[in-house]
Amino acid sequence: MRFVALSLLLLWILTMAGCESKAAKVKKLQDQYNAEYPTYAKECLDPETAGSGDLLAGKKLTQEEIAALEAKKKERDAHCKPQADRLAELQKQILAAQQ
């Protein structure tokens, strides 16, 4: 009888330890994501939407302005893709750790 009780106690302790380490892993990943996202948003998302107000207001762009915007977008995409990929990977890891 003692053996069964000790076995159940040990199983419960291991289960609780696993839950705590899972929660700690999720928290660590979320903290990492929260630390990296503001920089990404400032460098990559804000510039992308900065001129949208003018376009929504009906401002017409010249071909030169369109070409300049497209060039800036290509540069920004090249710069931001690694950061976006890293954040997407962190999101996947967070979701997997929560399962």
C-alpha atoms as a PDB file:
ATOM      1  CA  MET A   1       0.000   0.000   0.000  1.00  0.00           C
ATOM      2  CA  ARG A   2       2.845   2.396   0.808  1.00  0.00           C
ATOM      3  CA  PHE A   3       4.451   1.623  -2.525  1.00  0.00           C
ATOM      4  CA  VAL A   4       1.273   2.589  -4.399  1.00  0.00           C
ATOM      5  CA  ALA A   5       0.906   5.784  -2.386  1.00  0.00           C
ATOM      6  CA  LEU A   6       4.558   6.729  -2.937  1.00  0.00           C
ATOM      7  CA  SER A   7       4.252   5.932  -6.640  1.00  0.00           C
ATOM      8  CA  LEU A   8       1.200   8.164  -6.971  1.00  0.00           C
ATOM      9  CA  LEU A   9       2.934  10.933  -5.031  1.00  0.00           C
ATOM     10  CA  LEU A  10       6.009  10.683  -7.253  1.00  0.00           C
ATOM     11  CA  LEU A  11       3.854  10.724 -10.387  1.00  0.00           C
ATOM     12  CA  TRP A  12       1.993  13.803  -9.150  1.00  0.00           C
ATOM     13  CA  ILE A  13       5.271  15.597  -8.335  1.00  0.00           C
ATOM     14  CA  LEU A  14       6.692  14.837 -11.769  1.00  0.00           C
ATOM     15  CA  THR A  15       3.500  16.036 -13.424  1.00  0.00           C
ATOM     16  CA  MET A  16       3.552  19.289 -11.486  1.00  0.00           C
ATOM     17  CA  ALA A  17       7.235  19.837 -12.264  1.00  0.00           C
ATOM     18  CA  GLY A  18       6.501  19.317 -15.955  1.00  0.00           C
ATOM     19  CA  CYS A  19       3.666  21.851 -15.871  1.00  0.00           C
ATOM     20  CA  GLU A  20       5.831  24.435 -14.180  1.00  0.00           C
ATOM     21  CA  SER A  21       8.670  24.013 -16.656  1.00  0.00           C
ATOM     22  CA  LYS A  22       6.153  24.217 -19.519  1.00  0.00           C
ATOM     23  CA  ALA A  23       4.759  27.455 -18.096  1.00  0.00           C
ATOM     24  CA  ALA A  24       8.273  28.798 -17.624  1.00  0.00           C
ATOM     25  CA  LYS A  25       9.140  27.965 -21.234  1.00  0.00           C
ATOM     26  CA  VAL A  26       6.018  29.720 -22.509  1.00  0.00           C
ATOM     27  CA  LYS A  27       6.781  32.772 -20.375  1.00  0.00           C
ATOM     28  CA  LYS A  28      10.381  32.867 -21.595  1.00  0.00           C
ATOM     29  CA  LEU A  29       9.265  32.696 -25.236  1.00  0.00           C
ATOM     30  CA  GLN A  30       6.581  35.348 -24.711  1.00  0.00           C
ATOM     31  CA  ASP A  31       9.068  37.647 -22.977  1.00  0.00           C
ATOM     32  CA  GLN A  32      11.477  37.189 -25.870  1.00  0.00           C
ATOM     33  CA  TYR A  33       8.723  37.952 -28.400  1.00  0.00           C
ATOM     34  CA  ASN A  34       7.581  41.005 -26.430  1.00  0.00           C
ATOM     35  CA  ALA A  35      11.160  42.289 -26.304  1.00  0.00           C
ATOM     36  CA  GLU A  36      11.731  41.908 -30.068  1.00  0.00           C
ATOM     37  CA  TYR A  37       8.369  43.024 -31.454  1.00  0.00           C
ATOM     38  CA  PRO A  38       8.488  46.787 -30.640  1.00  0.00           C
ATOM     39  CA  THR A  39      11.730  47.199 -32.585  1.00  0.00           C
ATOM     40  CA  TYR A  40      10.272  45.304 -35.532  1.00  0.00           C
ATOM     41  CA  ALA A  41       7.078  47.381 -35.450  1.00  0.00           C
ATOM     42  CA  LYS A  42       9.009  50.652 -35.303  1.00  0.00           C
ATOM     43  CA  GLU A  43      11.463  49.750 -38.070  1.00  0.00           C
ATOM     44  CA  CYS A  44       9.198  47.752 -40.366  1.00  0.00           C
ATOM     45  CA  LEU A  45       5.502  48.378 -39.801  1.00  0.00           C
ATOM     46  CA  ASP A  46       5.364  52.100 -39.034  1.00  0.00           C
ATOM     47  CA  PRO A  47       7.263  53.205 -42.188  1.00  0.00           C
ATOM     48  CA  GLU A  48       5.118  50.946 -44.337  1.00  0.00           C
ATOM     49  CA  THR A  49       1.888  52.600 -43.225  1.00  0.00           C
ATOM     50  CA  ALA A  50       3.230  56.141 -42.881  1.00  0.00           C
ATOM     51  CA  GLY A  51       2.027  57.394 -46.279  1.00  0.00           C
ATOM     52  CA  SER A  52      -1.249  55.528 -46.383  1.00  0.00           C
ATOM     53  CA  GLY A  53      -3.203  58.509 -45.031  1.00  0.00           C
ATOM     54  CA  ASP A  54      -2.322  60.574 -48.100  1.00  0.00           C
ATOM     55  CA  LEU A  55      -3.398  57.803 -50.434  1.00  0.00           C
ATOM     56  CA  LEU A  56      -6.656  57.298 -48.567  1.00  0.00           C
ATOM     57  CA  ALA A  57      -7.302  61.033 -48.818  1.00  0.00           C
ATOM     58  CA  GLY A  58      -7.051  60.757 -52.591  1.00  0.00           C
ATOM     59  CA  LYS A  59      -3.579  62.136 -53.222  1.00  0.00           C
ATOM     60  CA  LYS A  60      -2.273  61.142 -56.647  1.00  0.00           C
ATOM     61  CA  LEU A  61       1.322  59.967 -56.921  1.00  0.00           C
ATOM     62  CA  THR A  62       3.622  60.594 -59.835  1.00  0.00           C
ATOM     63  CA  GLN A  63       5.450  57.711 -61.486  1.00  0.00           C
ATOM     64  CA  GLU A  64       8.671  58.863 -59.795  1.00  0.00           C
ATOM     65  CA  GLU A  65       7.030  58.810 -56.368  1.00  0.00           C
ATOM     66  CA  ILE A  66       5.602  55.355 -57.026  1.00  0.00           C
ATOM     67  CA  ALA A  67       9.023  54.093 -58.150  1.00  0.00           C
ATOM     68  CA  ALA A  68      10.655  55.603 -55.046  1.00  0.00           C
ATOM     69  CA  LEU A  69       8.046  53.975 -52.776  1.00  0.00           C
ATOM     70  CA  GLU A  70       8.536  50.604 -54.455  1.00  0.00           C
ATOM     71  CA  ALA A  71      12.321  50.872 -54.049  1.00  0.00           C
ATOM     72  CA  LYS A  72      11.930  51.754 -50.366  1.00  0.00           C
ATOM     73  CA  LYS A  73       9.539  48.828 -49.924  1.00  0.00           C
ATOM     74  CA  LYS A  74      12.059  46.411 -51.454  1.00  0.00           C
ATOM     75  CA  GLU A  75      14.800  47.711 -49.151  1.00  0.00           C
ATOM     76  CA  ARG A  76      12.533  47.506 -46.120  1.00  0.00           C
ATOM     77  CA  ASP A  77      11.384  43.996 -47.043  1.00  0.00           C
ATOM     78  CA  ALA A  78      14.982  42.826 -47.402  1.00  0.00           C
ATOM     79  CA  HIS A  79      15.850  44.362 -44.029  1.00  0.00           C
ATOM     80  CA  CYS A  80      12.691  43.241 -42.226  1.00  0.00           C
ATOM     81  CA  LYS A  81      12.213  39.707 -43.537  1.00  0.00           C
ATOM     82  CA  PRO A  82      14.686  38.102 -41.100  1.00  0.00           C
ATOM     83  CA  GLN A  83      12.999  39.886 -38.190  1.00  0.00           C
ATOM     84  CA  ALA A  84       9.529  38.890 -39.404  1.00  0.00           C
ATOM     85  CA  ASP A  85      10.661  35.285 -39.842  1.00  0.00           C
ATOM     86  CA  ARG A  86      12.164  35.274 -36.341  1.00  0.00           C
ATOM     87  CA  LEU A  87       8.951  36.617 -34.801  1.00  0.00           C
ATOM     88  CA  ALA A  88       6.870  34.093 -36.738  1.00  0.00           C
ATOM     89  CA  GLU A  89       9.103  31.291 -35.449  1.00  0.00           C
ATOM     90  CA  LEU A  90       8.719  32.553 -31.880  1.00  0.00           C
ATOM     91  CA  GLN A  91       4.933  32.571 -32.326  1.00  0.00           C
ATOM     92  CA  LYS A  92       5.036  28.957 -33.540  1.00  0.00           C
ATOM     93  CA  GLN A  93       7.203  27.963 -30.573  1.00  0.00           C
ATOM     94  CA  ILE A  94       4.828  29.696 -28.156  1.00  0.00           C
ATOM     95  CA  LEU A  95       1.823  27.903 -29.635  1.00  0.00           C
ATOM     96  CA  ALA A  96       3.639  24.565 -29.566  1.00  0.00           C
ATOM     97  CA  ALA A  97       4.700  25.073 -25.954  1.00  0.00           C
ATOM     98  CA  GLN A  98       1.124  25.876 -24.942  1.00  0.00           C
ATOM     99  CA  GLN A  99      -0.177  22.577 -26.311  1.00  0.00           C
END
